[in-house]
Protein backbone atom coordinates (compact mmCIF):
# COMPACT_ATOMS: atom_id res chain seq x y z
CA MET A 1 80.29 -27.05 -25.25
CA ASN A 2 78.38 -23.78 -24.54
CA LYS A 3 78.17 -22.97 -20.85
CA LYS A 4 74.82 -22.11 -19.52
CA ILE A 5 74.63 -18.54 -18.19
CA SER A 6 73.00 -18.20 -14.76
CA ARG A 7 70.25 -15.60 -14.22
CA ARG A 8 72.69 -13.43 -12.16
CA GLU A 9 75.51 -13.74 -14.85
CA PHE A 10 72.91 -12.58 -17.35
CA LEU A 11 72.06 -9.64 -15.31
CA VAL A 12 75.74 -8.60 -14.75
CA LEU A 13 76.42 -8.94 -18.40
CA SER A 14 73.45 -6.98 -19.15
CA ALA A 15 74.24 -3.99 -17.15
CA LYS A 16 77.88 -4.00 -18.41
CA GLY A 17 76.75 -3.38 -21.80
CA VAL A 18 76.33 -6.99 -23.15
CA GLY A 19 72.49 -7.09 -23.01
CA VAL A 20 69.48 -5.62 -21.40
CA ALA A 21 68.12 -6.70 -18.04
CA ILE A 22 64.32 -7.09 -18.38
CA ILE A 23 62.40 -5.86 -15.53
CA SER A 24 59.24 -4.43 -16.98
CA SER A 25 57.75 -3.80 -20.36
CA GLY A 26 54.56 -3.41 -22.47
CA LEU A 27 51.13 -2.20 -21.21
CA MET A 28 49.62 -3.34 -18.03
CA GLY A 29 46.54 -5.47 -18.32
CA CYS A 30 44.89 -5.24 -15.03
CA ASP A 31 45.50 -4.16 -11.35
CA LEU A 32 47.60 -6.66 -9.63
CA LEU A 33 49.00 -4.91 -6.64
CA GLU A 34 47.38 -3.78 -3.40
CA GLY A 35 48.43 -0.67 -1.65
CA ASP A 36 47.31 1.55 1.12
CA SER A 37 45.04 3.80 -0.95
CA ASP A 38 43.69 5.88 1.95
CA ILE A 39 47.35 7.51 2.69
CA ASN A 40 47.67 11.09 1.25
CA ILE A 41 50.80 11.39 -0.87
CA SER A 42 52.56 13.88 -2.92
CA PHE A 43 55.48 13.98 -5.42
CA ASN A 44 58.02 16.54 -3.81
CA HIS A 45 61.19 15.26 -5.49
CA GLY A 46 60.40 15.50 -9.15
CA VAL A 47 61.08 12.67 -11.62
CA ALA A 48 64.36 11.43 -13.37
CA SER A 49 65.63 8.96 -15.90
CA GLY A 50 69.07 7.38 -16.41
CA ASP A 51 71.16 4.53 -17.84
CA PRO A 52 69.59 4.82 -21.39
CA THR A 53 70.23 2.03 -23.75
CA GLN A 54 68.92 1.49 -27.39
CA ASP A 55 65.87 -0.18 -25.92
CA ALA A 56 65.57 0.42 -22.28
CA ILE A 57 65.82 3.30 -19.58
CA ILE A 58 65.37 3.63 -15.97
CA LEU A 59 62.49 5.86 -14.68
CA TRP A 60 62.61 7.24 -11.23
CA THR A 61 60.46 9.18 -8.74
CA ARG A 62 59.83 9.43 -5.05
CA ILE A 63 56.55 9.26 -2.97
CA SER A 64 56.17 11.56 0.09
CA PRO A 65 53.42 9.89 2.13
CA GLU A 66 51.74 11.53 5.23
CA GLN A 67 52.14 8.25 7.00
CA ASP A 68 53.95 4.88 6.51
CA GLY A 69 52.53 2.17 4.37
CA ASN A 70 52.61 0.34 0.96
CA ILE A 71 52.04 2.66 -1.77
CA LYS A 72 50.97 1.30 -5.19
CA VAL A 73 52.45 3.37 -7.92
CA THR A 74 51.47 3.36 -11.72
CA TRP A 75 53.91 4.41 -14.26
CA GLN A 76 53.24 5.32 -17.92
CA VAL A 77 55.46 5.93 -21.02
CA ALA A 78 54.25 7.76 -23.96
CA THR A 79 55.44 9.15 -27.26
CA ASP A 80 53.74 12.56 -26.54
CA GLU A 81 53.55 14.84 -23.75
CA ALA A 82 49.66 14.70 -23.63
CA PHE A 83 50.04 10.97 -23.16
CA SER A 84 47.55 10.26 -26.08
CA ASN A 85 49.77 7.37 -27.26
CA ILE A 86 50.89 5.36 -24.18
CA THR A 87 53.32 2.72 -25.24
CA HIS A 88 54.32 1.21 -21.89
CA SER A 89 52.79 1.21 -18.47
CA GLY A 90 52.89 -0.87 -15.30
CA GLU A 91 52.67 -0.66 -11.52
CA THR A 92 54.89 -1.32 -8.53
CA LEU A 93 54.83 -0.88 -4.68
CA THR A 94 57.13 1.24 -2.59
CA ASN A 95 57.48 1.63 1.10
CA GLN A 96 59.73 2.71 3.87
CA GLU A 97 62.18 0.04 3.10
CA ARG A 98 63.26 1.91 -0.26
CA ASP A 99 62.71 5.23 1.20
CA TYR A 100 59.59 5.41 -0.96
CA THR A 101 61.65 5.72 -4.09
CA VAL A 102 60.43 4.14 -7.30
CA LYS A 103 62.68 2.87 -10.01
CA ILE A 104 61.43 1.21 -13.18
CA ASP A 105 63.47 -0.29 -15.95
CA ALA A 106 61.22 0.33 -18.88
CA VAL A 107 62.37 -2.02 -21.67
CA ASN A 108 61.38 -2.97 -25.24
CA LEU A 109 61.49 0.64 -26.27
CA HIS A 110 62.66 1.99 -29.68
CA ASN A 111 66.21 3.16 -30.27
CA ASP A 112 66.82 6.92 -30.73
CA THR A 113 63.28 7.81 -29.57
CA GLN A 114 62.02 10.59 -27.30
CA TYR A 115 59.52 9.44 -24.70
CA PHE A 116 57.61 11.21 -21.93
CA TYR A 117 56.78 9.39 -18.70
CA ARG A 118 54.93 10.08 -15.46
CA PHE A 119 53.81 8.35 -12.06
CA MET A 120 50.58 8.24 -10.51
CA ALA A 121 49.54 7.08 -6.91
CA ASN A 122 46.58 7.60 -4.65
CA GLY A 123 44.88 10.14 -6.71
CA GLU A 124 48.08 12.25 -7.39
CA THR A 125 50.07 12.51 -10.57
CA SER A 126 53.73 13.59 -10.83
CA VAL A 127 55.30 16.04 -13.27
CA VAL A 128 55.91 14.66 -16.74
CA GLY A 129 59.50 13.80 -17.49
CA LYS A 130 61.19 13.61 -20.93
CA THR A 131 63.83 11.26 -21.86
CA GLN A 132 65.53 9.52 -24.80
CA THR A 133 66.94 6.19 -25.82
CA LEU A 134 70.35 5.76 -27.42
CA ALA A 135 70.77 5.32 -31.17
CA SER A 136 72.06 2.41 -32.84
CA GLY A 137 73.86 2.03 -36.25
CA ALA A 138 75.43 4.95 -38.11
CA ILE A 139 75.00 8.39 -36.42
CA ASP A 140 76.60 11.72 -36.95
CA SER A 141 77.12 13.36 -33.56
CA VAL A 142 76.60 12.89 -29.87
CA ASN A 143 76.28 15.83 -27.45
CA LEU A 144 76.99 15.17 -23.75
CA ALA A 145 76.90 17.61 -20.81
CA VAL A 146 79.40 16.74 -18.30
CA MET A 147 79.16 18.13 -14.48
CA SER A 148 80.14 17.26 -10.98
CA CYS A 149 80.63 18.47 -7.48
CA ALA A 150 77.34 20.10 -6.24
CA ASN A 151 77.71 21.31 -2.64
CA PHE A 152 74.19 22.42 -1.59
CA PRO A 153 75.24 25.18 0.99
CA ALA A 154 77.79 26.52 -1.23
CA GLY A 155 75.43 28.24 -3.58
CA PHE A 156 72.42 27.86 -6.06
CA PHE A 157 72.57 25.14 -8.53
CA ASN A 158 72.60 27.72 -11.55
CA VAL A 159 74.95 25.23 -13.50
CA TYR A 160 72.20 22.81 -13.65
CA ASP A 161 69.67 25.48 -14.66
CA LEU A 162 71.94 26.67 -17.42
CA ALA A 163 72.36 23.07 -18.82
CA SER A 164 68.72 22.50 -18.70
CA ASN A 165 68.01 25.45 -20.96
CA MET A 166 70.33 24.45 -23.73
CA GLU A 167 69.13 22.36 -26.68
CA HIS A 168 70.72 19.47 -28.40
CA ILE A 169 72.04 17.62 -25.32
CA ASP A 170 71.63 13.97 -25.58
CA VAL A 171 72.63 12.77 -22.11
CA VAL A 172 74.02 14.37 -18.87
CA LEU A 173 77.16 12.67 -17.52
CA HIS A 174 77.38 13.24 -13.71
CA LEU A 175 80.93 12.37 -12.57
CA GLY A 176 80.31 12.30 -8.79
CA ASP A 177 79.85 14.42 -5.65
CA TYR A 178 76.22 14.57 -6.30
CA ILE A 179 75.96 15.29 -2.56
CA TYR A 180 78.30 16.20 0.07
CA GLU A 181 78.56 14.41 3.51
CA TYR A 182 79.69 17.32 5.85
CA ALA A 183 77.82 18.66 8.68
CA ARG A 184 76.18 22.18 8.87
CA ASP A 185 78.79 24.92 9.12
CA GLU A 186 81.61 23.03 7.75
CA TYR A 187 82.99 22.95 4.26
CA ALA A 188 82.03 25.82 1.87
CA SER A 189 79.03 26.70 3.90
CA ASP A 190 79.96 30.38 4.95
CA HIS A 191 76.79 31.77 3.39
CA ALA A 192 74.34 28.82 3.73
CA ALA A 193 71.97 30.59 6.18
CA GLN A 194 71.91 33.56 3.88
CA TYR A 195 71.00 31.39 0.95
CA ASP A 196 68.50 29.35 3.00
CA ARG A 197 70.51 26.28 2.08
CA GLU A 198 71.63 24.87 5.42
CA VAL A 199 72.21 21.19 5.21
CA LEU A 200 69.90 18.55 6.59
CA PRO A 201 70.42 16.61 8.56
CA ALA A 202 72.52 19.07 10.62
CA GLY A 203 75.33 16.72 11.41
CA GLU A 204 77.65 14.80 9.27
CA LEU A 205 76.18 11.80 7.45
CA PHE A 206 76.81 8.34 8.88
CA THR A 207 73.71 6.27 8.83
CA LEU A 208 71.24 5.21 6.07
CA ALA A 209 68.74 7.76 7.39
CA ASP A 210 71.34 10.46 7.31
CA TYR A 211 72.20 9.84 3.55
CA ARG A 212 68.57 9.62 2.63
CA THR A 213 67.66 12.88 4.29
CA ARG A 214 70.52 14.69 2.48
CA TYR A 215 69.46 13.27 -0.95
CA ALA A 216 65.76 14.26 -0.23
CA GLN A 217 67.03 17.88 0.44
CA TYR A 218 69.15 17.98 -2.82
CA ARG A 219 66.20 16.68 -4.90
CA THR A 220 63.92 19.48 -3.81
CA ASP A 221 66.20 21.86 -5.57
CA PRO A 222 64.15 23.36 -8.56
CA SER A 223 67.16 23.49 -10.96
CA LEU A 224 68.25 19.95 -10.31
CA GLN A 225 64.63 18.66 -10.56
CA LYS A 226 64.43 20.71 -14.00
CA LEU A 227 67.44 19.06 -15.32
CA HIS A 228 66.56 15.43 -14.22
CA GLY A 229 63.13 15.99 -15.67
CA LYS A 230 64.45 16.99 -19.16
CA LEU A 231 67.42 14.63 -19.71
CA PRO A 232 68.56 11.09 -18.99
CA PHE A 233 71.69 11.05 -16.59
CA ILE A 234 74.44 8.49 -16.58
CA THR A 235 76.06 8.70 -13.24
CA VAL A 236 79.05 7.51 -11.12
CA TRP A 237 79.75 8.33 -7.50
CA ASP A 238 82.96 10.12 -6.36
CA ASP A 239 84.08 10.24 -2.71
CA HIS A 240 81.50 12.85 -1.05
CA GLU A 241 78.67 10.30 -1.69
CA VAL A 242 80.27 8.38 1.16
CA ALA A 243 83.10 10.65 2.78
CA ASN A 244 86.02 12.87 1.64
CA ASP A 245 88.86 11.06 -0.08
CA THR A 246 87.06 7.70 0.05
CA TYR A 247 89.13 4.50 -0.72
CA LYS A 248 88.19 0.87 -0.50
CA ASP A 249 88.27 0.55 3.23
CA GLY A 250 88.42 4.00 4.74
CA ALA A 251 88.31 7.68 4.08
CA GLU A 252 90.12 11.02 5.08
CA ASN A 253 86.84 12.01 6.76
CA HIS A 254 86.43 9.04 8.83
CA ASN A 255 87.95 8.03 12.09
CA ALA A 256 87.76 5.22 14.33
CA GLN A 257 85.43 7.03 16.81
CA GLU A 258 82.86 7.33 13.93
CA GLY A 259 82.20 3.66 13.83
CA ASP A 260 82.76 0.71 11.12
CA PHE A 261 83.65 2.49 7.82
CA SER A 262 82.15 -0.38 5.81
CA ILE A 263 78.80 -0.10 7.50
CA ARG A 264 78.81 3.73 6.67
CA LYS A 265 79.89 2.87 3.11
CA MET A 266 77.18 0.41 2.41
CA ALA A 267 74.56 2.80 3.85
CA ALA A 268 75.96 5.61 1.56
CA LEU A 269 75.78 3.20 -1.38
CA GLN A 270 72.21 1.91 -0.66
CA ALA A 271 70.97 5.64 -0.53
CA TYR A 272 72.90 6.28 -3.74
CA PHE A 273 71.04 3.44 -5.62
CA GLU A 274 67.80 4.48 -4.10
CA TRP A 275 67.84 8.13 -5.16
CA LEU A 276 69.73 8.04 -8.49
CA PRO A 277 68.37 6.56 -11.74
CA ILE A 278 71.02 3.98 -12.24
CA ARG A 279 70.59 0.36 -13.16
CA PRO A 280 72.15 -2.11 -10.82
CA ILE A 281 74.42 -4.76 -12.48
CA ALA A 282 72.58 -7.48 -10.32
CA GLN A 283 70.05 -7.59 -7.70
CA ASP A 284 71.45 -6.57 -4.35
CA ASN A 285 74.65 -5.40 -5.84
CA GLU A 286 75.20 -1.93 -4.85
CA GLU A 287 79.05 -1.85 -4.94
CA GLU A 288 79.82 -2.35 -8.77
CA ILE A 289 78.77 0.47 -10.87
CA TYR A 290 81.54 0.38 -13.92
CA ARG A 291 79.41 -0.31 -17.13
CA SER A 292 79.40 0.61 -20.71
CA PHE A 293 77.20 2.48 -23.22
CA GLN A 294 77.15 2.57 -26.92
CA PHE A 295 76.04 5.72 -28.87
CA GLY A 296 75.65 4.04 -32.31
CA ASN A 297 78.88 3.66 -34.28
CA LEU A 298 80.28 6.82 -32.86
CA VAL A 299 81.16 6.73 -29.15
CA ASP A 300 81.62 3.84 -26.72
CA LEU A 301 81.29 5.25 -23.18
CA HIS A 302 82.90 3.27 -20.32
CA MET A 303 82.06 4.47 -16.77
CA LEU A 304 84.53 3.77 -14.27
CA ASP A 305 84.66 3.47 -10.35
CA THR A 306 88.01 5.08 -9.36
CA ARG A 307 86.91 5.75 -5.94
CA VAL A 308 85.16 2.96 -3.82
CA LEU A 309 85.36 -0.47 -5.22
CA ALA A 310 89.15 -1.05 -5.01
CA ARG A 311 91.22 2.11 -4.66
CA ASP A 312 94.16 1.72 -2.38
CA LYS A 313 94.72 4.39 0.22
CA GLN A 314 96.19 7.72 -1.06
CA LEU A 315 99.90 8.53 -0.51
CA GLU A 316 100.71 11.56 1.76
CA TYR A 317 103.70 13.94 1.10
CA SER A 318 104.25 14.25 4.85
CA ASP A 319 105.56 10.71 4.69
CA TYR A 320 108.45 11.65 2.51
CA ILE A 321 109.64 14.78 4.33
CA ASN A 322 112.38 14.61 6.81
CA VAL A 323 110.96 15.82 10.21
CA ASP A 324 114.34 17.19 11.24
CA THR A 325 115.62 18.94 8.05
CA GLY A 326 112.41 19.34 6.09
CA ALA A 327 114.20 17.73 3.09
CA PHE A 328 111.74 16.18 0.56
CA ASP A 329 112.75 12.44 -0.28
CA ALA A 330 112.14 12.53 -4.03
CA ALA A 331 113.61 9.23 -4.93
CA THR A 332 111.58 7.25 -2.37
CA PHE A 333 108.38 9.29 -3.23
CA GLU A 334 108.85 8.44 -7.06
CA ALA A 335 109.19 4.73 -6.30
CA ALA A 336 105.97 4.83 -4.17
CA ILE A 337 103.88 6.44 -6.95
CA SER A 338 105.19 4.08 -9.50
CA ASP A 339 104.58 0.87 -7.56
CA PRO A 340 102.87 -1.58 -9.78
CA THR A 341 100.96 -3.11 -6.81
CA ARG A 342 99.10 0.23 -6.39
CA THR A 343 95.64 0.12 -7.67
CA MET A 344 92.64 2.48 -8.46
CA LEU A 345 90.38 0.40 -10.32
CA GLY A 346 91.37 -3.11 -9.09
CA GLU A 347 92.32 -6.10 -11.31
CA THR A 348 88.80 -7.07 -11.98
CA GLN A 349 87.76 -3.61 -13.40
CA LEU A 350 90.99 -3.13 -15.06
CA ASN A 351 90.69 -6.37 -17.05
CA TRP A 352 87.23 -5.48 -17.90
CA LEU A 353 88.16 -2.16 -19.30
CA GLN A 354 91.07 -3.50 -21.27
CA ASN A 355 88.66 -6.11 -22.78
CA GLN A 356 86.08 -3.25 -23.60
CA LEU A 357 88.70 -1.13 -25.28
CA ALA A 358 89.97 -4.26 -27.42
CA ASN A 359 86.48 -5.11 -28.54
CA SER A 360 84.61 -1.79 -28.76
CA THR A 361 84.22 -0.67 -32.39
CA GLY A 362 83.06 3.17 -31.89
CA SER A 363 85.03 5.81 -33.55
CA TRP A 364 85.75 7.22 -30.07
CA GLN A 365 86.53 5.48 -26.74
CA LEU A 366 85.25 7.64 -23.83
CA LEU A 367 86.28 6.99 -20.23
CA GLY A 368 83.89 8.62 -17.87
CA GLN A 369 85.34 8.84 -14.41
CA GLN A 370 85.92 10.95 -11.48
CA VAL A 371 89.58 12.17 -11.10
CA LEU A 372 92.37 13.73 -13.30
CA MET A 373 94.31 11.50 -15.43
CA GLY A 374 96.64 14.09 -17.02
CA LYS A 375 99.98 14.48 -15.50
CA MET A 376 99.65 17.51 -13.24
CA GLN A 377 103.06 18.02 -11.97
CA LEU A 378 104.10 21.26 -10.51
CA PRO A 379 107.57 22.27 -8.79
CA ALA A 380 107.78 20.67 -5.49
CA ALA A 381 108.16 24.07 -3.78
CA VAL A 382 104.67 25.16 -5.03
CA VAL A 383 103.17 21.75 -4.09
CA LEU A 384 104.58 21.80 -0.57
CA GLY A 385 103.51 25.47 -0.16
CA GLN A 386 107.02 26.89 -0.05
CA MET A 387 106.39 29.20 -2.86
CA SER A 388 103.45 30.61 -4.93
CA VAL A 389 103.21 29.85 -8.63
CA THR A 390 104.13 33.50 -9.37
CA GLU A 391 107.02 33.51 -6.99
CA PHE A 392 108.48 30.40 -8.48
CA SER A 393 108.17 31.81 -12.05
CA GLU A 394 109.90 35.08 -11.01
CA LEU A 395 112.71 33.53 -9.07
CA GLY A 396 113.18 30.92 -11.77
CA ALA A 397 113.62 33.57 -14.36
CA LEU A 398 115.93 35.50 -12.05
CA ALA A 399 117.99 32.35 -11.40
CA VAL A 400 118.36 31.90 -15.26
CA LEU A 401 119.79 35.51 -15.49
CA ALA A 402 122.05 34.98 -12.73
CA ALA A 403 123.36 31.71 -14.34
CA ARG A 404 123.89 33.68 -17.60
CA ALA A 405 125.62 36.56 -15.68
CA ASP A 406 127.98 33.83 -13.88
CA ALA A 407 128.83 32.33 -17.30
CA GLY A 408 129.87 35.78 -18.65
CA ASP A 409 127.02 35.80 -21.21
CA PRO A 410 127.74 38.90 -23.37
CA THR A 411 124.05 39.02 -24.68
CA LEU A 412 122.69 40.11 -21.29
CA SER A 413 120.99 43.50 -21.94
CA ASP A 414 121.38 46.47 -19.62
CA ALA A 415 117.93 46.13 -18.51
CA GLU A 416 118.45 42.54 -17.57
CA ILE A 417 121.65 43.42 -15.72
CA GLN A 418 119.97 46.13 -13.84
CA TYR A 419 116.93 43.83 -12.89
CA LEU A 420 119.42 41.18 -11.77
CA THR A 421 121.22 43.64 -9.54
CA GLU A 422 118.19 44.91 -7.89
CA ASN A 423 116.61 41.57 -7.07
CA GLN A 424 119.47 39.03 -6.78
CA LYS A 425 119.24 39.28 -3.00
CA LYS A 426 115.86 37.26 -3.29
CA LEU A 427 117.95 34.21 -4.46
CA THR A 428 118.73 33.13 -0.95
CA ALA A 429 120.27 29.57 -0.46
CA GLU A 430 116.98 28.38 0.73
CA LYS A 431 115.06 29.69 -2.28
CA ILE A 432 117.79 28.34 -4.72
CA ALA A 433 117.41 24.73 -2.97
CA GLN A 434 113.63 25.07 -3.33
CA LEU A 435 113.96 25.92 -6.99
CA GLN A 436 116.17 22.84 -7.67
CA LEU A 437 113.51 20.37 -6.23
CA PRO A 438 111.76 18.15 -8.81
CA PHE A 439 108.30 18.58 -10.38
CA ILE A 440 105.78 16.28 -8.34
CA PRO A 441 102.14 15.76 -8.70
CA TYR A 442 99.99 18.40 -6.98
CA ASN A 443 97.16 15.94 -6.30
CA LEU A 444 97.90 12.56 -5.00
CA ASP A 445 94.19 11.65 -4.95
CA ALA A 446 94.16 11.72 -8.68
CA TRP A 447 95.83 9.31 -11.19
CA ASP A 448 99.19 10.81 -10.63
CA GLY A 449 99.10 8.88 -7.37
CA TYR A 450 98.59 5.64 -9.18
CA ALA A 451 100.99 6.11 -12.03
CA TYR A 452 101.47 2.51 -12.93
CA GLU A 453 97.82 1.64 -13.57
CA ARG A 454 97.24 4.85 -15.62
CA GLU A 455 100.19 3.51 -17.77
CA VAL A 456 98.48 0.19 -18.38
CA ILE A 457 95.27 2.06 -19.58
CA LEU A 458 97.30 4.41 -21.83
CA GLN A 459 99.35 1.42 -23.35
CA THR A 460 96.14 -0.49 -23.85
CA ALA A 461 94.60 2.22 -25.87
CA LYS A 462 97.68 2.78 -27.78
CA ALA A 463 98.07 -0.95 -28.63
CA TYR A 464 94.66 -1.12 -30.07
CA ASN A 465 94.94 2.13 -31.86
CA LYS A 466 92.01 3.74 -30.17
CA ASN A 467 90.84 7.38 -30.24
CA LEU A 468 90.86 7.93 -26.58
CA VAL A 469 89.00 10.74 -24.62
CA VAL A 470 88.93 10.86 -20.97
CA ILE A 471 86.54 13.09 -18.85
CA ALA A 472 87.03 14.00 -15.21
CA GLY A 473 85.57 15.95 -12.45
CA ASP A 474 86.57 16.20 -8.68
CA THR A 475 88.97 19.24 -8.63
CA HIS A 476 86.30 22.01 -9.11
CA ASN A 477 88.13 23.42 -12.00
CA GLY A 478 88.17 23.28 -15.81
CA TRP A 479 91.13 21.54 -17.29
CA SER A 480 92.41 20.19 -20.63
CA SER A 481 95.37 18.09 -21.12
CA GLU A 482 97.13 15.83 -23.76
CA LEU A 483 97.55 12.24 -22.17
CA VAL A 484 101.26 11.24 -22.51
CA ASP A 485 102.66 7.83 -21.92
CA SER A 486 105.97 7.00 -20.42
CA GLN A 487 107.47 7.31 -23.96
CA GLN A 488 106.15 10.93 -24.04
CA GLN A 489 103.81 10.03 -26.94
CA THR A 490 100.38 11.47 -26.89
CA VAL A 491 97.90 8.65 -26.52
CA GLY A 492 94.64 10.55 -25.74
CA PHE A 493 93.05 13.71 -24.44
CA GLU A 494 91.44 14.72 -21.29
CA PHE A 495 88.60 17.29 -20.58
CA ALA A 496 87.81 17.94 -17.09
CA THR A 497 84.75 20.05 -15.77
CA SER A 498 84.51 22.71 -13.17
CA SER A 499 82.17 22.26 -10.26
CA VAL A 500 78.32 22.96 -9.90
CA THR A 501 79.08 24.97 -6.61
CA SER A 502 82.09 23.82 -4.85
CA PRO A 503 84.95 26.09 -4.73
CA GLY A 504 88.21 25.50 -6.67
CA LEU A 505 91.88 26.49 -6.39
CA GLU A 506 90.92 30.12 -5.83
CA TYR A 507 89.53 29.04 -2.42
CA TYR A 508 92.38 26.58 -1.44
CA LEU A 509 95.17 28.69 -2.49
CA ASN A 510 93.63 32.01 -1.68
CA ILE A 511 94.09 33.54 -4.96
CA SER A 512 92.56 36.98 -5.56
CA PRO A 513 90.69 37.70 -8.81
CA GLU A 514 93.39 40.18 -9.61
CA GLU A 515 96.02 37.30 -9.36
CA MET A 516 93.92 34.71 -11.12
CA PRO A 517 94.87 35.45 -14.75
CA ALA A 518 98.55 35.44 -14.05
CA THR A 519 98.24 32.24 -11.91
CA GLU A 520 96.24 30.27 -14.62
CA GLN A 521 98.85 31.36 -17.25
CA GLY A 522 101.77 30.32 -14.90
CA ILE A 523 100.18 26.92 -14.16
CA THR A 524 99.58 26.07 -17.82
CA ALA A 525 103.18 27.14 -18.66
CA LEU A 526 104.57 25.07 -15.72
CA ILE A 527 102.59 21.76 -16.37
CA GLU A 528 103.84 20.02 -19.54
CA ASN A 529 101.00 18.95 -21.82
CA LEU A 530 98.39 21.00 -20.03
CA LYS A 531 96.69 23.24 -22.54
CA TYR A 532 93.96 24.90 -20.54
CA CYS A 533 92.86 25.65 -17.00
CA ASN A 534 90.25 27.62 -15.23
CA LEU A 535 90.69 28.05 -11.56
CA GLN A 536 87.80 30.17 -10.43
CA ASP A 537 84.58 29.65 -12.26
CA ARG A 538 81.51 27.31 -11.64
CA GLY A 539 80.22 25.48 -14.69
CA PHE A 540 80.07 22.44 -16.89
CA MET A 541 81.35 21.15 -20.12
CA LEU A 542 79.40 20.44 -23.33
CA ILE A 543 81.19 17.61 -25.45
CA LYS A 544 80.29 17.12 -28.86
CA PHE A 545 81.50 13.97 -30.83
CA THR A 546 81.56 13.56 -34.58
CA HIS A 547 83.36 11.09 -36.78
CA THR A 548 86.06 13.69 -37.57
CA ASP A 549 86.49 15.53 -34.25
CA VAL A 550 85.48 15.99 -30.61
CA THR A 551 84.99 19.42 -29.14
CA SER A 552 84.73 20.39 -25.43
CA ASN A 553 83.10 23.68 -24.74
CA TRP A 554 83.13 25.01 -21.14
CA HIS A 555 80.26 26.95 -20.00
CA TYR A 556 80.41 29.03 -16.67
CA VAL A 557 77.85 31.05 -14.83
CA ASP A 558 78.61 34.51 -13.29
CA SER A 559 77.10 33.83 -9.89
CA ILE A 560 76.15 30.97 -7.50
CA GLU A 561 75.20 33.53 -4.79
CA SER A 562 71.84 34.37 -6.32
CA GLN A 563 69.31 32.51 -8.47
CA GLU A 564 69.70 35.39 -10.80
CA TYR A 565 72.70 34.62 -13.08
CA SER A 566 74.05 35.02 -16.68
CA GLU A 567 76.52 32.84 -18.71
CA LEU A 568 80.03 34.12 -18.31
CA ILE A 569 80.63 34.37 -22.10
CA ASN A 570 84.18 35.74 -21.91
CA ARG A 571 85.46 33.01 -19.52
CA GLY A 572 84.29 30.13 -21.75
CA ALA A 573 86.72 28.11 -23.72
CA ILE A 574 86.55 25.53 -26.72
CA ALA A 575 89.07 22.62 -27.19
CA LYS A 576 89.18 20.61 -30.19
CA VAL A 577 90.73 17.42 -31.37
CA ASP A 578 90.72 16.02 -34.97
CA ILE A 579 90.41 12.22 -35.07
CA GLY A 580 93.76 10.54 -35.48
CA GLN A 581 95.80 13.65 -34.65
CA ASN A 582 97.97 14.10 -31.52
CA THR A 583 97.18 17.67 -31.01
CA LEU A 584 94.71 19.58 -28.97
CA LYS A 585 93.72 22.96 -30.38
CA LEU A 586 92.34 25.59 -27.92
CA SER A 587 90.18 28.76 -28.83
């Protein structure tokens, strides 16, 4: 007997890639809604579109009224910028309850079709936006711009502008940290006053009004408005949409004196759904955002929530260091990160992903998510701040020479013997002990801190013989890795984008520009299966899929300190994977 599907179940299935939730369609016949037509309004925050499917797309804008009231908003979709051929239209009301934002799910559209859209209210008309539905059936290529981590006071959003000036981009994938929650003069705000980019409100974000105000400020940025107005977005949140290092019931940047975390979290998520062109999986559900998109027969995109819904609290290295001796308990630490009960996705989302991978038929399976999945293990001495990368490399090479000399190696050259004689005093007992520590993850907030669940995903892709690609943000740096399972077999590939403005490892490790090339080379050499890293430039990735290969092209800007900028041609890189192969090629 066939089970009858409820309306709520239908909406959930629709948003997760099984169908389309119908909210609005066709041409309006007459005026049905009553609004306060005497209120002066403006469109200060541009327009946006998002979550495209083959026959539907979310359209977004916001009204800025001079006083509170109910504002009737008319929307139109056309096949031409002059709106001589309007195909869909309708009207809706907005008010203070939704922060005067407007979201329309325009449905019954044609697949693989470019549309133009606009909004009208109380005699005012918004700018015209451009968007595109997804293709169905056989297609040759897909081009995705991938970006994350835009801290408003850190600098200008030139990365958004660079992407908006490029042609042949189908969709923007934003992997989170769309806003930051910090107060004025906190994280990466050294020059905010000089840039005229001090955050609003001035304090840290806690309430719904706080988060709404911060989104409103971000959405006045001309570069962000430009990109939103040109291309559809598919988005997920990371931690800073709520608070730094968020997990399911807390965050590093939240303490007991700051109130109930769950109240803060739900306020943050409500503002996110109000201000982003994202389709809810069901009415009043603002916690679940994992969902799938199909780009013809070429790419199946599965957007994941690795942050808010189910993540267990991050491990901390300090819990595995003896307070008396300073010794690191590697065995206990290894058991903790391999604990099969630790979760990032949660059982429900993990089962959903496994089912999607099992049944998806695209040439490529793409996981859009926030944090690095590749195994990013560095010497414990480096991770724990006992040595720099360059010092570890130097002393490691020196220790090898010393071992060869102790063994009476006759092949030691005169130069090597002299170098050893001059520098052997650097090999103190303390340094030797540090060199002998194991390699450990440098970032326990990433998948390295949730190793068991990562292995389940890799084994699922392997079992179904899928061509797996993972994209990530969060770290503010560019990376590319081969994804290797517990049997040291390559199962997939990861491409990670740099940030829009947030500083990277050059900021956290205080690496000078002169030291950077050697540091990047040293990290790439030290981390097995890591093929590329960029630790100092702001930018985004442009990923192109075909039926024969996938190519990731990192694009960087030379400055975020001024709205005058150029693309950094000599710092870009291209990584390519041929379908069915286990090797990532870098150029």
